[in-house]
Amino acid sequence: MQFNGIVLGVPREIMEAELRVAVIPDTVKQFTEAGARVLVESGAGAGAYYADEAYRQAGAHIVPDAPTLYESAQIVLKVKEPQKDPATGTHEADLLPEGSMLICFLHPANPINHDTVRRLAERRITAFTLDSIPRVPRAQHMDALTSMSTVAGYKAVISAAHHLARFVPMIPTASGIVQPARMLVVGTGVAGLQSIATAKRLGAKIRSLDIRAEANEQARSLGAEVLPFELPPGMGTGAGGYAERLPESEYARERETLAPAVAESDVVILTALVPSEKAPILVDQTMVRTMRKGSVIVDISIDQGGNCALTRPGEEYVWNDVLISGLKNIPAHLAIDATRMFAHNAFEYLNHIVADGRVDLDSTDEIIRDSLVTRDGRIVHEGTLKAMDAHGV
């Protein structure tokens, strides 16, 4: 059987407000029927309303705590990158036995995670990051980044509307007509397009910008007014249709284009990412200072460093009367659907990299090659090495 002899461990997520879990009873059953032994930490599914008993009935073994789970698992499957447990002071990366494997959203290019990546390499952990799965047809069913981007794009707009101190749609009242809120969406990949669609349903007036012509056309088809911004031929779109990194001179020009639109917007949704690399800064302090009091910025790209220079990872705070949201786990706010989607993506990924009871580390497979972060005591992830080099690490 495909997973014969594999011991898969699924811990409870310890990131603050992270309610997702990496498996659901349906995928536990798929793993166990294919030969795996699945260990689930007690309470791991509670945030998404999956009880221990449901996992037990699906074939999982419930273990009482994280240390017990980590010491027994060959492969640890998580949602988020390893964290320091505030209750015990122990870092999850130190619980992984040397030579074991880790699969999660590691976001290794983000400087905030560089120490964790180095720690994994030093402990000879083979680590894979789900946010670097290439956008190719055969990877569609395992593309957790796309799934979670769909969730994040929707929830970002709902969150912005919640914080905004005014109506979103046009509202006729006895005191006159309240004009619709103006939303700017920067980056119109999966998350950005979902943001536009959600904002449209709420009745906002929407503008957007992306460096890719095809993405701009998709945004326009959803009703956004696309800000004019052209790049030299052949620049901006990389493999799989993802955005590619631009020279700093082009980012400066993009900020010039965005500046007046940011100043006029009630809400700015930031989603611009470069796969496996640190997110570009597209909104600087000067631009935020021009925004009207009570405006909102939601920076979805924070897991890879953020598009706004003032975004604080994992925080929501007010700066110059503008609320800036850098929540790192937006999909966790829709834990039921986000968990279901993630769990199926994760199963498909493992289904791809495991054959005959062993993990295939074939570097010629682009899915494995692009998502592999550490191996044999070394950091091998190209985007991470580039980000570390840029920060003088």
Foldseek 3Di string as FASTA:
>chain_A
DQQAPAEEEWEADQPPLQQFTQAALVLLLVNVVVHYAYEYEAPNNVSLPGHPVSNVVSRYHYDHHDLVRQVPHQEYEGAEAWDQHPVPRRTSLVSHQQNGEYEYQQLLQAPVNVVVLLSNLQSQYWYFHLLQQAQDVVLVQQNLVLVLLLLLLQLLLVVQCVQFPDAAAWDQDPVGIDHHFEEEEEDQDSSSLSNLLNSVVSHHAYEYEAADPVSQVSSVVSPHHYQDDYDDPPAQADPNRAGADDPVVSLVVLLVSCLVVLLRGLEYEYDHDHGLAAGAANAEPVSVLSHDARGEYEFQSVSRPTNYPPDDACDWDADNNYIYHRRPNSSSVVRNSSNVSSNSSVSVLCVVQTGPNDGNCPCVDVSNVQGTQHHNSDGRHPNSVVSCVVVVD
